[in-house]
PDB file of N, CA and C in Angstrom:
ATOM      1  N   MET A   1       0.840  -1.154   0.000  1.00  0.00           N
ATOM      2  CA  MET A   1       0.000   0.000   0.000  1.00  0.00           C
ATOM      3  C   MET A   1       0.898   1.235   0.000  1.00  0.00           C
ATOM      4  N   ALA A   2       0.464   2.230  -0.772  1.00  0.00           N
ATOM      5  CA  ALA A   2       1.260   3.446  -0.907  1.00  0.00           C
ATOM      6  C   ALA A   2       1.117   4.318   0.328  1.00  0.00           C
ATOM      7  N   ASP A   3       2.160   5.016   0.614  1.00  0.00           N
ATOM      8  CA  ASP A   3       2.124   5.935   1.755  1.00  0.00           C
ATOM      9  C   ASP A   3       1.216   7.123   1.431  1.00  0.00           C
ATOM     10  N   GLU A   4       0.495   7.574   2.442  1.00  0.00           N
ATOM     11  CA  GLU A   4      -0.366   8.736   2.283  1.00  0.00           C
ATOM     12  C   GLU A   4       0.488   9.991   2.229  1.00  0.00           C
ATOM     13  N   ILE A   5       0.011  10.905   1.403  1.00  0.00           N
ATOM     14  CA  ILE A   5       0.683  12.209   1.313  1.00  0.00           C
ATOM     15  C   ILE A   5      -0.341  13.257   1.725  1.00  0.00           C
ATOM     16  N   LYS A   6       0.036  14.061   2.631  1.00  0.00           N
ATOM     17  CA  LYS A   6      -0.864  15.110   3.092  1.00  0.00           C
ATOM     18  C   LYS A   6      -0.439  16.423   2.448  1.00  0.00           C
ATOM     19  N   PHE A   7      -1.455  17.108   1.838  1.00  0.00           N
ATOM     20  CA  PHE A   7      -1.187  18.410   1.218  1.00  0.00           C
ATOM     21  C   PHE A   7      -0.937  19.441   2.302  1.00  0.00           C
ATOM     22  N   SER A   8      -0.157  20.421   1.924  1.00  0.00           N
ATOM     23  CA  SER A   8       0.128  21.512   2.864  1.00  0.00           C
ATOM     24  C   SER A   8      -1.098  22.423   2.964  1.00  0.00           C
ATOM     25  N   GLU A   9      -1.101  23.228   3.990  1.00  0.00           N
ATOM     26  CA  GLU A   9      -2.196  24.179   4.179  1.00  0.00           C
ATOM     27  C   GLU A   9      -2.290  25.122   2.981  1.00  0.00           C
ATOM     28  N   GLU A  10      -1.177  25.524   2.465  1.00  0.00           N
ATOM     29  CA  GLU A  10      -1.134  26.437   1.321  1.00  0.00           C
ATOM     30  C   GLU A  10      -1.735  25.765   0.087  1.00  0.00           C
ATOM     31  N   GLU A  11      -1.409  24.484  -0.131  1.00  0.00           N
ATOM     32  CA  GLU A  11      -1.963  23.750  -1.266  1.00  0.00           C
ATOM     33  C   GLU A  11      -3.477  23.563  -1.103  1.00  0.00           C
ATOM     34  N   LEU A  12      -3.911  23.228   0.100  1.00  0.00           N
ATOM     35  CA  LEU A  12      -5.342  23.072   0.358  1.00  0.00           C
ATOM     36  C   LEU A  12      -6.081  24.402   0.141  1.00  0.00           C
ATOM     37  N   LYS A  13      -5.457  25.496   0.568  1.00  0.00           N
ATOM     38  CA  LYS A  13      -6.058  26.818   0.382  1.00  0.00           C
ATOM     39  C   LYS A  13      -6.186  27.127  -1.104  1.00  0.00           C
ATOM     40  N   SER A  14      -5.176  26.813  -1.891  1.00  0.00           N
ATOM     41  CA  SER A  14      -5.217  27.052  -3.339  1.00  0.00           C
ATOM     42  C   SER A  14      -6.334  26.242  -3.992  1.00  0.00           C
ATOM     43  N   LEU A  15      -6.503  24.986  -3.587  1.00  0.00           N
ATOM     44  CA  LEU A  15      -7.570  24.142  -4.130  1.00  0.00           C
ATOM     45  C   LEU A  15      -8.954  24.700  -3.760  1.00  0.00           C
ATOM     46  N   GLN A  16      -9.097  25.186  -2.531  1.00  0.00           N
ATOM     47  CA  GLN A  16     -10.360  25.767  -2.096  1.00  0.00           C
ATOM     48  C   GLN A  16     -10.683  27.041  -2.887  1.00  0.00           C
ATOM     49  N   GLU A  17      -9.658  27.857  -3.136  1.00  0.00           N
ATOM     50  CA  GLU A  17      -9.857  29.085  -3.915  1.00  0.00           C
ATOM     51  C   GLU A  17     -10.312  28.755  -5.328  1.00  0.00           C
ATOM     52  N   LEU A  18      -9.700  27.727  -5.939  1.00  0.00           N
ATOM     53  CA  LEU A  18     -10.115  27.302  -7.277  1.00  0.00           C
ATOM     54  C   LEU A  18     -11.580  26.860  -7.270  1.00  0.00           C
ATOM     55  N   SER A  19     -11.942  26.075  -6.291  1.00  0.00           N
ATOM     56  CA  SER A  19     -13.317  25.591  -6.181  1.00  0.00           C
ATOM     57  C   SER A  19     -14.295  26.751  -5.991  1.00  0.00           C
ATOM     58  N   GLN A  20     -13.935  27.697  -5.140  1.00  0.00           N
ATOM     59  CA  GLN A  20     -14.791  28.858  -4.902  1.00  0.00           C
ATOM     60  C   GLN A  20     -14.923  29.716  -6.166  1.00  0.00           C
ATOM     61  N   ASN A  21     -13.822  29.844  -6.898  1.00  0.00           N
ATOM     62  CA  ASN A  21     -13.870  30.616  -8.144  1.00  0.00           C
ATOM     63  C   ASN A  21     -14.796  29.956  -9.161  1.00  0.00           C
ATOM     64  N   TYR A  22     -14.730  28.613  -9.265  1.00  0.00           N
ATOM     65  CA  TYR A  22     -15.634  27.900 -10.164  1.00  0.00           C
ATOM     66  C   TYR A  22     -17.091  28.140  -9.752  1.00  0.00           C
ATOM     67  N   GLN A  23     -17.370  28.072  -8.467  1.00  0.00           N
ATOM     68  CA  GLN A  23     -18.730  28.287  -7.982  1.00  0.00           C
ATOM     69  C   GLN A  23     -19.200  29.715  -8.275  1.00  0.00           C
ATOM     70  N   ARG A  24     -18.301  30.680  -8.078  1.00  0.00           N
ATOM     71  CA  ARG A  24     -18.634  32.078  -8.348  1.00  0.00           C
ATOM     72  C   ARG A  24     -18.937  32.283  -9.825  1.00  0.00           C
ATOM     73  N   VAL A  25     -18.095  31.702 -10.689  1.00  0.00           N
ATOM     74  CA  VAL A  25     -18.289  31.854 -12.132  1.00  0.00           C
ATOM     75  C   VAL A  25     -19.596  31.168 -12.567  1.00  0.00           C
ATOM     76  N   GLN A  26     -19.879  29.994 -12.022  1.00  0.00           N
ATOM     77  CA  GLN A  26     -21.124  29.301 -12.364  1.00  0.00           C
ATOM     78  C   GLN A  26     -22.341  30.126 -11.944  1.00  0.00           C
ATOM     79  N   ALA A  27     -22.281  30.706 -10.770  1.00  0.00           N
ATOM     80  CA  ALA A  27     -23.386  31.549 -10.305  1.00  0.00           C
ATOM     81  C   ALA A  27     -23.541  32.764 -11.216  1.00  0.00           C
ATOM     82  N   SER A  28     -22.425  33.332 -11.635  1.00  0.00           N
ATOM     83  CA  SER A  28     -22.462  34.481 -12.540  1.00  0.00           C
ATOM     84  C   SER A  28     -23.063  34.096 -13.887  1.00  0.00           C
ATOM     85  N   PHE A  29     -22.707  32.906 -14.389  1.00  0.00           N
ATOM     86  CA  PHE A  29     -23.302  32.413 -15.634  1.00  0.00           C
ATOM     87  C   PHE A  29     -24.825  32.324 -15.478  1.00  0.00           C
ATOM     88  N   GLY A  30     -25.270  31.814 -14.350  1.00  0.00           N
ATOM     89  CA  GLY A  30     -26.713  31.710 -14.098  1.00  0.00           C
ATOM     90  C   GLY A  30     -27.382  33.073 -14.067  1.00  0.00           C
ATOM     91  N   GLN A  31     -26.765  34.031 -13.375  1.00  0.00           N
ATOM     92  CA  GLN A  31     -27.318  35.381 -13.309  1.00  0.00           C
ATOM     93  C   GLN A  31     -27.364  36.020 -14.692  1.00  0.00           C
ATOM     94  N   LEU A  32     -26.288  35.816 -15.449  1.00  0.00           N
ATOM     95  CA  LEU A  32     -26.235  36.381 -16.799  1.00  0.00           C
ATOM     96  C   LEU A  32     -27.320  35.769 -17.684  1.00  0.00           C
ATOM     97  N   SER A  33     -27.542  34.479 -17.566  1.00  0.00           N
ATOM     98  CA  SER A  33     -28.586  33.821 -18.347  1.00  0.00           C
ATOM     99  C   SER A  33     -29.959  34.388 -18.012  1.00  0.00           C
ATOM    100  N   VAL A  34     -30.211  34.629 -16.747  1.00  0.00           N
ATOM    101  CA  VAL A  34     -31.494  35.204 -16.338  1.00  0.00           C
ATOM    102  C   VAL A  34     -31.619  36.630 -16.875  1.00  0.00           C
ATOM    103  N   GLN A  35     -30.553  37.408 -16.802  1.00  0.00           N
ATOM    104  CA  GLN A  35     -30.582  38.779 -17.319  1.00  0.00           C
ATOM    105  C   GLN A  35     -30.864  38.777 -18.820  1.00  0.00           C
ATOM    106  N   ARG A  36     -30.209  37.871 -19.548  1.00  0.00           N
ATOM    107  CA  ARG A  36     -30.419  37.785 -20.995  1.00  0.00           C
ATOM    108  C   ARG A  36     -31.868  37.413 -21.299  1.00  0.00           C
ATOM    109  N   LEU A  37     -32.415  36.478 -20.538  1.00  0.00           N
ATOM    110  CA  LEU A  37     -33.804  36.068 -20.721  1.00  0.00           C
ATOM    111  C   LEU A  37     -34.737  37.257 -20.493  1.00  0.00           C
ATOM    112  N   MET A  38     -34.482  38.017 -19.449  1.00  0.00           N
ATOM    113  CA  MET A  38     -35.320  39.178 -19.152  1.00  0.00           C
ATOM    114  C   MET A  38     -35.199  40.227 -20.258  1.00  0.00           C
ATOM    115  N   LEU A  39     -33.990  40.448 -20.744  1.00  0.00           N
ATOM    116  CA  LEU A  39     -33.794  41.412 -21.834  1.00  0.00           C
ATOM    117  C   LEU A  39     -34.500  40.957 -23.105  1.00  0.00           C
ATOM    118  N   GLU A  40     -34.438  39.664 -23.399  1.00  0.00           N
ATOM    119  CA  GLU A  40     -35.129  39.135 -24.578  1.00  0.00           C
ATOM    120  C   GLU A  40     -36.637  39.340 -24.441  1.00  0.00           C
ATOM    121  N   GLN A  41     -37.168  39.146 -23.232  1.00  0.00           N
ATOM    122  CA  GLN A  41     -38.594  39.363 -23.008  1.00  0.00           C
ATOM    123  C   GLN A  41     -38.941  40.845 -23.188  1.00  0.00           C
ATOM    124  N   GLN A  42     -38.061  41.724 -22.693  1.00  0.00           N
ATOM    125  CA  GLN A  42     -38.294  43.158 -22.848  1.00  0.00           C
ATOM    126  C   GLN A  42     -38.232  43.559 -24.320  1.00  0.00           C
ATOM    127  N   MET A  43     -37.278  42.987 -25.063  1.00  0.00           N
ATOM    128  CA  MET A  43     -37.172  43.284 -26.489  1.00  0.00           C
ATOM    129  C   MET A  43     -38.415  42.806 -27.232  1.00  0.00           C
ATOM    130  N   LYS A  44     -38.901  41.628 -26.882  1.00  0.00           N
ATOM    131  CA  LYS A  44     -40.109  41.104 -27.522  1.00  0.00           C
ATOM    132  C   LYS A  44     -41.286  42.028 -27.236  1.00  0.00           C
ATOM    133  N   ALA A  45     -41.417  42.463 -25.994  1.00  0.00           N
ATOM    134  CA  ALA A  45     -42.501  43.380 -25.626  1.00  0.00           C
ATOM    135  C   ALA A  45     -42.349  44.710 -26.370  1.00  0.00           C
ATOM    136  N   ALA A  46     -41.113  45.207 -26.499  1.00  0.00           N
ATOM    137  CA  ALA A  46     -40.876  46.461 -27.217  1.00  0.00           C
ATOM    138  C   ALA A  46     -41.203  46.293 -28.695  1.00  0.00           C
ATOM    139  N   ASP A  47     -40.837  45.156 -29.281  1.00  0.00           N
ATOM    140  CA  ASP A  47     -41.161  44.892 -30.692  1.00  0.00           C
ATOM    141  C   ASP A  47     -42.674  44.849 -30.899  1.00  0.00           C
ATOM    142  N   GLU A  48     -43.380  44.197 -29.973  1.00  0.00           N
ATOM    143  CA  GLU A  48     -44.839  44.118 -30.076  1.00  0.00           C
ATOM    144  C   GLU A  48     -45.462  45.504 -29.935  1.00  0.00           C
ATOM    145  N   ALA A  49     -44.936  46.309 -29.014  1.00  0.00           N
ATOM    146  CA  ALA A  49     -45.444  47.664 -28.823  1.00  0.00           C
ATOM    147  C   ALA A  49     -45.181  48.507 -30.071  1.00  0.00           C
ATOM    148  N   GLN A  50     -44.004  48.337 -30.674  1.00  0.00           N
ATOM    149  CA  GLN A  50     -43.681  49.091 -31.887  1.00  0.00           C
ATOM    150  C   GLN A  50     -44.609  48.686 -33.023  1.00  0.00           C
ATOM    151  N   THR A  51     -44.861  47.399 -33.171  1.00  0.00           N
ATOM    152  CA  THR A  51     -45.765  46.921 -34.219  1.00  0.00           C
ATOM    153  C   THR A  51     -47.158  47.516 -34.020  1.00  0.00           C
ATOM    154  N   GLN A  52     -47.628  47.547 -32.772  1.00  0.00           N
ATOM    155  CA  GLN A  52     -48.946  48.124 -32.490  1.00  0.00           C
ATOM    156  C   GLN A  52     -48.956  49.615 -32.805  1.00  0.00           C
ATOM    157  N   LEU A  53     -47.887  50.320 -32.442  1.00  0.00           N
ATOM    158  CA  LEU A  53     -47.820  51.759 -32.722  1.00  0.00           C
ATOM    159  C   LEU A  53     -47.778  52.031 -34.224  1.00  0.00           C
ATOM    160  N   GLU A  54     -47.070  51.195 -34.970  1.00  0.00           N
ATOM    161  CA  GLU A  54     -47.033  51.351 -36.430  1.00  0.00           C
ATOM    162  C   GLU A  54     -48.429  51.162 -37.012  1.00  0.00           C
ATOM    163  N   SER A  55     -49.158  50.184 -36.488  1.00  0.00           N
ATOM    164  CA  SER A  55     -50.531  49.956 -36.930  1.00  0.00           C
ATOM    165  C   SER A  55     -51.410  51.148 -36.573  1.00  0.00           C
ATOM    166  N   ASP A  56     -51.255  51.660 -35.344  1.00  0.00           N
ATOM    167  CA  ASP A  56     -52.025  52.831 -34.922  1.00  0.00           C
ATOM    168  C   ASP A  56     -51.715  54.038 -35.808  1.00  0.00           C
ATOM    169  N   TRP A  57     -50.455  54.192 -36.165  1.00  0.00           N
ATOM    170  CA  TRP A  57     -50.025  55.308 -37.020  1.00  0.00           C
ATOM    171  C   TRP A  57     -50.710  55.208 -38.377  1.00  0.00           C
ATOM    172  N   SER A  58     -50.687  54.012 -38.976  1.00  0.00           N
ATOM    173  CA  SER A  58     -51.316  53.814 -40.286  1.00  0.00           C
ATOM    174  C   SER A  58     -52.817  54.051 -40.203  1.00  0.00           C
ATOM    175  N   SER A  59     -53.430  53.568 -39.153  1.00  0.00           N
ATOM    176  CA  SER A  59     -54.870  53.765 -38.957  1.00  0.00           C
ATOM    177  C   SER A  59     -55.190  55.250 -38.832  1.00  0.00           C
ATOM    178  N   ASN A  60     -54.362  55.974 -38.104  1.00  0.00           N
ATOM    179  CA  ASN A  60     -54.572  57.413 -37.939  1.00  0.00           C
ATOM    180  C   ASN A  60     -54.411  58.147 -39.267  1.00  0.00           C
ATOM    181  N   GLN A  61     -53.452  57.715 -40.079  1.00  0.00           N
ATOM    182  CA  GLN A  61     -53.267  58.332 -41.392  1.00  0.00           C
ATOM    183  C   GLN A  61     -54.501  58.113 -42.265  1.00  0.00           C
ATOM    184  N   GLU A  62     -55.061  56.918 -42.215  1.00  0.00           N
ATOM    185  CA  GLU A  62     -56.256  56.619 -42.994  1.00  0.00           C
ATOM    186  C   GLU A  62     -57.426  57.489 -42.532  1.00  0.00           C
ATOM    187  N   LYS A  63     -57.585  57.637 -41.217  1.00  0.00           N
ATOM    188  CA  LYS A  63     -58.647  58.498 -40.683  1.00  0.00           C
ATOM    189  C   LYS A  63     -58.438  59.940 -41.140  1.00  0.00           C
ATOM    190  N   GLU A  64     -57.178  60.377 -41.169  1.00  0.00           N
ATOM    191  CA  GLU A  64     -56.876  61.732 -41.610  1.00  0.00           C
ATOM    192  C   GLU A  64     -57.282  61.913 -43.068  1.00  0.00           C
ATOM    193  N   ARG A  65     -56.933  60.954 -43.922  1.00  0.00           N
ATOM    194  CA  ARG A  65     -57.286  61.051 -45.344  1.00  0.00           C
ATOM    195  C   ARG A  65     -58.810  61.119 -45.517  1.00  0.00           C
ATOM    196  N   GLU A  66     -59.530  60.281 -44.766  1.00  0.00           N
ATOM    197  CA  GLU A  66     -60.990  60.280 -44.858  1.00  0.00           C
ATOM    198  C   GLU A  66     -61.578  61.605 -44.404  1.00  0.00           C
ATOM    199  N   LEU A  67     -61.056  62.161 -43.300  1.00  0.00           N
ATOM    200  CA  LEU A  67     -61.565  63.428 -42.791  1.00  0.00           C
ATOM    201  C   LEU A  67     -61.269  64.567 -43.763  1.00  0.00           C
ATOM    202  N   VAL A  68     -60.055  64.606 -44.309  1.00  0.00           N
ATOM    203  CA  VAL A  68     -59.689  65.654 -45.265  1.00  0.00           C
ATOM    204  C   VAL A  68     -60.597  65.578 -46.485  1.00  0.00           C
ATOM    205  N   LYS A  69     -60.855  64.393 -46.987  1.00  0.00           N
ATOM    206  CA  LYS A  69     -61.741  64.235 -48.140  1.00  0.00           C
ATOM    207  C   LYS A  69     -63.142  64.710 -47.807  1.00  0.00           C
ATOM    208  N   GLU A  70     -63.634  64.297 -46.641  1.00  0.00           N
ATOM    209  CA  GLU A  70     -64.976  64.693 -46.203  1.00  0.00           C
ATOM    210  C   GLU A  70     -65.084  66.218 -46.084  1.00  0.00           C
ATOM    211  N   LEU A  71     -64.083  66.845 -45.470  1.00  0.00           N
ATOM    212  CA  LEU A  71     -64.109  68.300 -45.304  1.00  0.00           C
ATOM    213  C   LEU A  71     -63.947  69.019 -46.638  1.00  0.00           C
ATOM    214  N   ASN A  72     -63.094  68.488 -47.514  1.00  0.00           N
ATOM    215  CA  ASN A  72     -62.933  69.095 -48.842  1.00  0.00           C
ATOM    216  C   ASN A  72     -64.219  68.976 -49.649  1.00  0.00           C
ATOM    217  N   ASP A  73     -64.898  67.833 -49.541  1.00  0.00           N
ATOM    218  CA  ASP A  73     -66.168  67.667 -50.246  1.00  0.00           C
ATOM    219  C   ASP A  73     -67.205  68.661 -49.713  1.00  0.00           C
ATOM    220  N   LYS A  74     -67.185  68.905 -48.414  1.00  0.00           N
ATOM    221  CA  LYS A  74     -68.176  69.767 -47.781  1.00  0.00           C
ATOM    222  C   LYS A  74     -67.858  71.248 -47.964  1.00  0.00           C
ATOM    223  N   TYR A  75     -66.590  71.635 -47.758  1.00  0.00           N
ATOM    224  CA  TYR A  75     -66.228  73.054 -47.751  1.00  0.00           C
ATOM    225  C   TYR A  75     -65.361  73.481 -48.926  1.00  0.00           C
ATOM    226  N   GLY A  76     -64.854  72.549 -49.692  1.00  0.00           N
ATOM    227  CA  GLY A  76     -63.937  72.881 -50.776  1.00  0.00           C
ATOM    228  C   GLY A  76     -62.524  73.012 -50.235  1.00  0.00           C
ATOM    229  N   PRO A  77     -61.593  73.301 -51.147  1.00  0.00           N
ATOM    230  CA  PRO A  77     -60.200  73.429 -50.702  1.00  0.00           C
ATOM    231  C   PRO A  77     -60.012  74.689 -49.870  1.00  0.00           C
ATOM    232  N   GLY A  78     -59.060  74.625 -48.969  1.00  0.00           N
ATOM    233  CA  GLY A  78     -58.762  75.766 -48.123  1.00  0.00           C
ATOM    234  C   GLY A  78     -57.812  75.366 -47.026  1.00  0.00           C
ATOM    235  N   SER A  79     -57.708  76.206 -46.025  1.00  0.00           N
ATOM    236  CA  SER A  79     -56.822  75.907 -44.908  1.00  0.00           C
ATOM    237  C   SER A  79     -57.566  76.139 -43.596  1.00  0.00           C
ATOM    238  N   LEU A  80     -57.183  75.369 -42.601  1.00  0.00           N
ATOM    239  CA  LEU A  80     -57.817  75.434 -41.293  1.00  0.00           C
ATOM    240  C   LEU A  80     -56.776  75.798 -40.256  1.00  0.00           C
ATOM    241  N   ASP A  81     -57.127  76.755 -39.409  1.00  0.00           N
ATOM    242  CA  ASP A  81     -56.283  77.065 -38.254  1.00  0.00           C
ATOM    243  C   ASP A  81     -56.799  76.204 -37.116  1.00  0.00           C
ATOM    244  N   PRO A  82     -56.046  75.133 -36.744  1.00  0.00           N
ATOM    245  CA  PRO A  82     -56.554  74.212 -35.726  1.00  0.00           C
ATOM    246  C   PRO A  82     -56.727  74.848 -34.353  1.00  0.00           C
ATOM    247  N   GLU A  83     -56.019  75.928 -34.090  1.00  0.00           N
ATOM    248  CA  GLU A  83     -56.138  76.579 -32.783  1.00  0.00           C
ATOM    249  C   GLU A  83     -57.433  77.372 -32.661  1.00  0.00           C
ATOM    250  N   THR A  84     -57.844  78.011 -33.760  1.00  0.00           N
ATOM    251  CA  THR A  84     -59.050  78.839 -33.704  1.00  0.00           C
ATOM    252  C   THR A  84     -60.257  78.133 -34.299  1.00  0.00           C
ATOM    253  N   GLY A  85     -60.014  77.132 -35.136  1.00  0.00           N
ATOM    254  CA  GLY A  85     -61.124  76.446 -35.799  1.00  0.00           C
ATOM    255  C   GLY A  85     -61.648  77.218 -36.988  1.00  0.00           C
ATOM    256  N   VAL A  86     -60.917  78.230 -37.429  1.00  0.00           N
ATOM    257  CA  VAL A  86     -61.348  79.053 -38.557  1.00  0.00           C
ATOM    258  C   VAL A  86     -60.838  78.440 -39.856  1.00  0.00           C
ATOM    259  N   PHE A  87     -61.778  78.241 -40.788  1.00  0.00           N
ATOM    260  CA  PHE A  87     -61.452  77.690 -42.109  1.00  0.00           C
ATOM    261  C   PHE A  87     -61.460  78.832 -43.111  1.00  0.00           C
ATOM    262  N   THR A  88     -60.404  78.909 -43.901  1.00  0.00           N
ATOM    263  CA  THR A  88     -60.310  79.933 -44.930  1.00  0.00           C
ATOM    264  C   THR A  88     -60.297  79.245 -46.283  1.00  0.00           C
ATOM    265  N   PRO A  89     -61.380  79.438 -47.065  1.00  0.00           N
ATOM    266  CA  PRO A  89     -61.416  78.791 -48.384  1.00  0.00           C
ATOM    267  C   PRO A  89     -60.336  79.348 -49.296  1.00  0.00           C
ATOM    268  N   THR A  90     -59.853  78.496 -50.186  1.00  0.00           N
ATOM    269  CA  THR A  90     -58.888  78.927 -51.184  1.00  0.00           C
ATOM    270  C   THR A  90     -59.646  79.727 -52.236  1.00  0.00           C
ATOM    271  N   PRO A  91     -59.160  80.941 -52.541  1.00  0.00           N
ATOM    272  CA  PRO A  91     -59.876  81.742 -53.552  1.00  0.00           C
ATOM    273  C   PRO A  91     -59.906  80.998 -54.888  1.00  0.00           C
ATOM    274  N   VAL A  92     -61.058  81.055 -55.523  1.00  0.00           N
ATOM    275  CA  VAL A  92     -61.221  80.407 -56.819  1.00  0.00           C
ATOM    276  C   VAL A  92     -60.963  81.448 -57.884  1.00  0.00           C
ATOM    277  N   GLU A  93     -60.042  81.146 -58.757  1.00  0.00           N
ATOM    278  CA  GLU A  93     -59.739  82.084 -59.837  1.00  0.00           C
ATOM    279  C   GLU A  93     -60.800  81.932 -60.904  1.00  0.00           C
ATOM    280  N   GLU A  94     -61.339  83.076 -61.288  1.00  0.00           N
ATOM    281  CA  GLU A  94     -62.339  83.054 -62.348  1.00  0.00           C
ATOM    282  C   GLU A  94     -61.621  83.086 -63.679  1.00  0.00           C
ATOM    283  N   ALA A  95     -62.198  82.377 -64.616  1.00  0.00           N
ATOM    284  CA  ALA A  95     -61.613  82.348 -65.961  1.00  0.00           C
ATOM    285  C   ALA A  95     -61.789  83.729 -66.576  1.00  0.00           C
ATOM    286  N   PRO A  96     -60.763  84.225 -67.279  1.00  0.00           N
ATOM    287  CA  PRO A  96     -60.895  85.553 -67.902  1.00  0.00           C
ATOM    288  C   PRO A  96     -61.989  85.517 -68.971  1.00  0.00           C
ATOM    289  N   ALA A  97     -62.718  86.599 -69.051  1.00  0.00           N
ATOM    290  CA  ALA A  97     -63.778  86.699 -70.059  1.00  0.00           C
ATOM    291  C   ALA A  97     -63.146  86.734 -71.429  1.00  0.00           C
ATOM    292  N   GLU A  98     -63.794  86.069 -72.347  1.00  0.00           N
ATOM    293  CA  GLU A  98     -63.263  86.048 -73.709  1.00  0.00           C
ATOM    294  C   GLU A  98     -63.500  87.409 -74.356  1.00  0.00           C
ATOM    295  N   GLU A  99     -62.485  87.872 -75.002  1.00  0.00           N
ATOM    296  CA  GLU A  99     -62.609  89.175 -75.654  1.00  0.00           C
ATOM    297  C   GLU A  99     -63.310  89.011 -77.007  1.00  0.00           C
ATOM    298  N   THR A 100     -64.177  89.926 -77.294  1.00  0.00           N
ATOM    299  CA  THR A 100     -64.834  89.903 -78.602  1.00  0.00           C
ATOM    300  C   THR A 100     -64.129  90.924 -79.487  1.00  0.00           C
ATOM    301  N   PRO A 101     -63.867  90.537 -80.697  1.00  0.00           N
ATOM    302  CA  PRO A 101     -63.148  91.479 -81.584  1.00  0.00           C
ATOM    303  C   PRO A 101     -64.035  92.709 -81.898  1.00  0.00           C
ATOM    304  N   GLU A 102     -63.404  93.839 -81.857  1.00  0.00           N
ATOM    305  CA  GLU A 102     -64.139  95.079 -82.174  1.00  0.00           C
ATOM    306  C   GLU A 102     -64.169  95.221 -83.680  1.00  0.00           C
ATOM    307  N   ALA A 103     -65.328  95.598 -84.180  1.00  0.00           N
ATOM    308  CA  ALA A 103     -65.445  95.728 -85.612  1.00  0.00           C
ATOM    309  C   ALA A 103     -65.626  97.134 -86.033  1.00  0.00           C
TER     310      ALA A 103
END
C-alpha cells in the first residue's frame, strides 16, 4: 500500500480558492442567463409595442385622409387654423372673359 501524502495548508487553500472561483463563475453564468432572458422578453414586448404603434399610425393616417376628403367635399379646398377652428377657403380664380373682336 502506498504511503499517504498530506497536502500543505497552502496547497489546500489554493484548491479551495479554485473551487470557490468555479462556484462564483457558475453563479455568474446563471445570473447572466437570467438577465439575458429578461432582456429578450423586454425586447419582444418592445417589438410588439412598436408593431402596435405602427398599426395605430397607419390607422390614424387613414382616418386623416378620410376626414380631409370629407371636409374638402363639404367646404372645398382651403386651410384650417386648428387653434381657432377658422377655415379659410382657397380663392377660386375666375376664368378671364373672352374678348370679342371690335369691328
